[in-house]
């Protein structure tokens, strides 16, 4: 199963929506709070961006909430994680 990482903040509604979608689908994830300056620097080095959420499956950047939602609506999210758990 791919490791899911969500770079986020506590006060970001799109971050909350992304984490809620993953929880609804039963997909475990690690949330990294970028209000920590070291984590913000890590995100900037990893993507070149400082916006959140930034969602990774393993080392592949999926994008933000809208990209995750589109991946879910297409059925690809469920397929990826159901295949990984088989």
N, C-alpha and C. Protein backbone atom coordinates (compact mmCIF):
# COMPACT_ATOMS: atom_id res chain seq x y z
N UNK A 1 0.85 -1.18 0.00
CA UNK A 1 0.00 0.00 0.00
C UNK A 1 0.90 1.24 0.00
N UNK A 2 0.60 2.21 -0.85
CA UNK A 2 1.40 3.44 -0.86
C UNK A 2 1.31 4.17 0.48
N UNK A 3 2.42 4.77 0.89
CA UNK A 3 2.42 5.61 2.08
C UNK A 3 1.88 6.97 1.66
N UNK A 4 0.88 7.45 2.39
CA UNK A 4 0.27 8.74 2.08
C UNK A 4 0.75 9.77 3.09
N UNK A 5 1.23 10.89 2.57
CA UNK A 5 1.69 11.99 3.40
C UNK A 5 0.93 13.25 2.98
N UNK A 6 0.39 13.95 3.97
CA UNK A 6 -0.35 15.19 3.72
C UNK A 6 0.35 16.32 4.47
N UNK A 7 0.96 17.23 3.73
CA UNK A 7 1.51 18.44 4.33
C UNK A 7 0.35 19.40 4.49
N UNK A 8 0.17 19.92 5.71
CA UNK A 8 -1.02 20.71 5.98
C UNK A 8 -0.79 21.68 7.13
N UNK A 9 -1.83 22.45 7.42
CA UNK A 9 -1.89 23.28 8.63
C UNK A 9 -3.22 23.00 9.30
N UNK A 10 -3.31 23.38 10.56
CA UNK A 10 -4.54 23.16 11.32
C UNK A 10 -5.67 24.11 10.91
N UNK A 11 -5.36 25.21 10.25
CA UNK A 11 -6.36 26.23 9.94
C UNK A 11 -6.69 26.30 8.45
N UNK A 12 -6.43 25.23 7.72
CA UNK A 12 -6.65 25.20 6.28
C UNK A 12 -7.86 24.32 5.95
N UNK A 13 -8.94 24.91 5.41
CA UNK A 13 -10.13 24.10 5.12
C UNK A 13 -9.89 23.04 4.04
N UNK A 14 -9.02 23.32 3.07
CA UNK A 14 -8.72 22.32 2.05
C UNK A 14 -7.92 21.16 2.64
N UNK A 15 -7.07 21.48 3.60
CA UNK A 15 -6.32 20.42 4.30
C UNK A 15 -7.30 19.53 5.06
N UNK A 16 -8.23 20.15 5.76
CA UNK A 16 -9.24 19.39 6.50
C UNK A 16 -10.05 18.51 5.56
N UNK A 17 -10.42 19.05 4.41
CA UNK A 17 -11.22 18.28 3.44
C UNK A 17 -10.42 17.10 2.90
N UNK A 18 -9.15 17.31 2.61
CA UNK A 18 -8.31 16.22 2.09
C UNK A 18 -8.17 15.11 3.13
N UNK A 19 -7.91 15.48 4.37
CA UNK A 19 -7.76 14.48 5.43
C UNK A 19 -9.08 13.76 5.68
N UNK A 20 -10.19 14.49 5.63
CA UNK A 20 -11.51 13.86 5.83
C UNK A 20 -11.80 12.86 4.71
N UNK A 21 -11.47 13.21 3.47
CA UNK A 21 -11.71 12.30 2.35
C UNK A 21 -10.90 11.01 2.54
N UNK A 22 -9.63 11.15 2.91
CA UNK A 22 -8.80 9.96 3.14
C UNK A 22 -9.35 9.12 4.29
N UNK A 23 -9.79 9.77 5.36
CA UNK A 23 -10.38 9.04 6.49
C UNK A 23 -11.65 8.32 6.07
N UNK A 24 -12.51 8.97 5.28
CA UNK A 24 -13.75 8.36 4.81
C UNK A 24 -13.48 7.11 3.98
N UNK A 25 -12.38 7.13 3.25
CA UNK A 25 -12.02 5.99 2.40
C UNK A 25 -11.21 4.94 3.14
N UNK A 26 -10.92 5.20 4.41
CA UNK A 26 -10.16 4.25 5.21
C UNK A 26 -8.69 4.16 4.83
N UNK A 27 -8.16 5.26 4.31
CA UNK A 27 -6.78 5.29 3.86
C UNK A 27 -5.93 5.97 4.93
N UNK A 28 -5.00 5.22 5.54
CA UNK A 28 -4.16 5.84 6.56
C UNK A 28 -3.19 6.84 5.94
N UNK A 29 -2.87 7.88 6.69
CA UNK A 29 -1.95 8.90 6.19
C UNK A 29 -1.19 9.52 7.35
N UNK A 30 -0.08 10.13 7.00
CA UNK A 30 0.70 10.90 7.96
C UNK A 30 0.46 12.37 7.64
N UNK A 31 0.03 13.13 8.63
CA UNK A 31 -0.17 14.57 8.46
C UNK A 31 1.06 15.28 9.01
N UNK A 32 1.64 16.14 8.21
CA UNK A 32 2.81 16.91 8.62
C UNK A 32 2.40 18.38 8.66
N UNK A 33 2.47 18.96 9.86
CA UNK A 33 2.06 20.34 10.08
C UNK A 33 3.19 21.29 9.69
N UNK A 34 2.96 22.08 8.65
CA UNK A 34 4.00 22.97 8.15
C UNK A 34 4.06 24.31 8.89
N UNK A 35 3.32 24.44 10.00
CA UNK A 35 3.55 25.62 10.84
C UNK A 35 4.88 25.47 11.57
N UNK A 36 5.41 24.25 11.61
CA UNK A 36 6.77 24.00 12.10
C UNK A 36 7.73 24.46 11.00
N UNK A 37 8.61 25.43 11.30
CA UNK A 37 9.50 25.97 10.27
C UNK A 37 10.35 24.91 9.55
N UNK A 38 10.79 23.89 10.27
CA UNK A 38 11.57 22.82 9.63
C UNK A 38 10.74 22.06 8.60
N UNK A 39 9.48 21.80 8.94
CA UNK A 39 8.60 21.07 8.03
C UNK A 39 8.22 21.93 6.83
N UNK A 40 8.06 23.23 7.05
CA UNK A 40 7.77 24.15 5.94
C UNK A 40 8.96 24.17 4.97
N UNK A 41 10.17 24.20 5.51
CA UNK A 41 11.38 24.17 4.71
C UNK A 41 11.48 22.85 3.94
N UNK A 42 11.13 21.74 4.62
CA UNK A 42 11.13 20.42 3.98
C UNK A 42 10.16 20.40 2.79
N UNK A 43 8.96 20.94 2.98
CA UNK A 43 7.98 20.99 1.90
C UNK A 43 8.49 21.84 0.74
N UNK A 44 9.03 23.00 1.04
CA UNK A 44 9.54 23.90 -0.01
C UNK A 44 10.65 23.21 -0.80
N UNK A 45 11.53 22.50 -0.12
CA UNK A 45 12.60 21.77 -0.82
C UNK A 45 12.06 20.61 -1.64
N UNK A 46 11.02 19.99 -1.16
CA UNK A 46 10.47 18.81 -1.84
C UNK A 46 9.65 19.17 -3.06
N UNK A 47 8.93 20.29 -3.01
CA UNK A 47 8.01 20.63 -4.10
C UNK A 47 8.31 21.96 -4.78
N UNK A 48 9.01 22.83 -4.09
CA UNK A 48 9.20 24.19 -4.59
C UNK A 48 8.05 25.10 -4.22
N UNK A 49 7.05 24.58 -3.53
CA UNK A 49 5.86 25.34 -3.15
C UNK A 49 5.73 25.40 -1.64
N UNK A 50 4.96 26.38 -1.19
CA UNK A 50 4.67 26.49 0.24
C UNK A 50 3.18 26.36 0.52
N UNK A 51 2.38 26.16 -0.52
CA UNK A 51 0.93 26.07 -0.34
C UNK A 51 0.56 24.69 0.20
N UNK A 52 -0.55 24.63 0.90
CA UNK A 52 -1.05 23.37 1.44
C UNK A 52 -2.52 23.22 1.10
N UNK A 53 -3.02 22.00 1.04
CA UNK A 53 -2.28 20.76 1.29
C UNK A 53 -1.45 20.35 0.08
N UNK A 54 -0.42 19.60 0.35
CA UNK A 54 0.35 18.91 -0.68
C UNK A 54 0.32 17.45 -0.28
N UNK A 55 -0.17 16.61 -1.18
CA UNK A 55 -0.42 15.20 -0.87
C UNK A 55 0.50 14.32 -1.71
N UNK A 56 1.16 13.41 -1.03
CA UNK A 56 2.07 12.47 -1.69
C UNK A 56 1.59 11.05 -1.49
N UNK A 57 1.74 10.25 -2.52
CA UNK A 57 1.61 8.79 -2.42
C UNK A 57 3.03 8.29 -2.63
N UNK A 58 3.61 7.71 -1.60
CA UNK A 58 5.04 7.40 -1.57
C UNK A 58 5.79 8.70 -1.90
N UNK A 59 6.60 8.71 -2.92
CA UNK A 59 7.34 9.92 -3.26
C UNK A 59 6.72 10.70 -4.41
N UNK A 60 5.53 10.29 -4.86
CA UNK A 60 4.88 10.95 -5.99
C UNK A 60 3.90 12.02 -5.48
N UNK A 61 4.11 13.25 -5.95
CA UNK A 61 3.21 14.33 -5.59
C UNK A 61 1.90 14.18 -6.35
N UNK A 62 0.80 14.05 -5.61
CA UNK A 62 -0.53 13.96 -6.22
C UNK A 62 -1.06 15.36 -6.49
N UNK A 63 -0.78 16.29 -5.58
CA UNK A 63 -1.25 17.66 -5.69
C UNK A 63 -1.95 18.06 -4.42
N UNK A 64 -2.96 18.91 -4.55
CA UNK A 64 -3.73 19.38 -3.42
C UNK A 64 -5.06 18.66 -3.31
N UNK A 65 -5.98 19.29 -2.59
CA UNK A 65 -7.29 18.68 -2.36
C UNK A 65 -8.03 18.43 -3.67
N UNK A 66 -8.03 19.39 -4.57
CA UNK A 66 -8.81 19.23 -5.80
C UNK A 66 -8.31 18.05 -6.63
N UNK A 67 -7.01 17.87 -6.68
CA UNK A 67 -6.45 16.73 -7.43
C UNK A 67 -6.80 15.42 -6.73
N UNK A 68 -6.75 15.41 -5.40
CA UNK A 68 -7.13 14.20 -4.65
C UNK A 68 -8.60 13.88 -4.88
N UNK A 69 -9.46 14.89 -4.84
CA UNK A 69 -10.90 14.68 -5.05
C UNK A 69 -11.18 14.16 -6.46
N UNK A 70 -10.48 14.68 -7.45
CA UNK A 70 -10.66 14.20 -8.83
C UNK A 70 -10.19 12.75 -8.95
N UNK A 71 -9.09 12.42 -8.29
CA UNK A 71 -8.57 11.05 -8.28
C UNK A 71 -9.60 10.11 -7.64
N UNK A 72 -10.25 10.59 -6.59
CA UNK A 72 -11.29 9.81 -5.92
C UNK A 72 -12.52 9.66 -6.80
N UNK A 73 -12.98 10.75 -7.40
CA UNK A 73 -14.19 10.70 -8.23
C UNK A 73 -14.04 9.80 -9.44
N UNK A 74 -12.82 9.70 -9.95
CA UNK A 74 -12.58 8.83 -11.10
C UNK A 74 -12.57 7.35 -10.72
N UNK A 75 -12.49 7.08 -9.41
CA UNK A 75 -12.40 5.69 -8.94
C UNK A 75 -10.97 5.20 -8.81
N UNK A 76 -10.02 6.01 -9.27
CA UNK A 76 -8.62 5.59 -9.22
C UNK A 76 -8.09 5.47 -7.80
N UNK A 77 -8.55 6.31 -6.90
CA UNK A 77 -8.09 6.25 -5.51
C UNK A 77 -8.44 4.91 -4.89
N UNK A 78 -9.69 4.51 -5.02
CA UNK A 78 -10.13 3.23 -4.45
C UNK A 78 -9.42 2.06 -5.12
N UNK A 79 -9.27 2.12 -6.43
CA UNK A 79 -8.57 1.03 -7.14
C UNK A 79 -7.13 0.89 -6.67
N UNK A 80 -6.44 2.01 -6.54
CA UNK A 80 -5.05 1.97 -6.12
C UNK A 80 -4.90 1.34 -4.75
N UNK A 81 -5.76 1.71 -3.82
CA UNK A 81 -5.62 1.20 -2.46
C UNK A 81 -6.24 -0.16 -2.27
N UNK A 82 -7.21 -0.54 -3.09
CA UNK A 82 -7.74 -1.89 -2.98
C UNK A 82 -6.77 -2.89 -3.59
N UNK A 83 -6.08 -2.51 -4.67
CA UNK A 83 -5.06 -3.38 -5.27
C UNK A 83 -3.88 -3.55 -4.33
N UNK A 84 -3.51 -2.47 -3.67
CA UNK A 84 -2.35 -2.51 -2.77
C UNK A 84 -2.60 -3.40 -1.56
N UNK A 85 -3.85 -3.48 -1.12
CA UNK A 85 -4.15 -4.29 0.06
C UNK A 85 -4.44 -5.75 -0.30
N UNK A 86 -4.49 -6.06 -1.60
CA UNK A 86 -4.76 -7.45 -2.02
C UNK A 86 -3.51 -8.30 -1.94
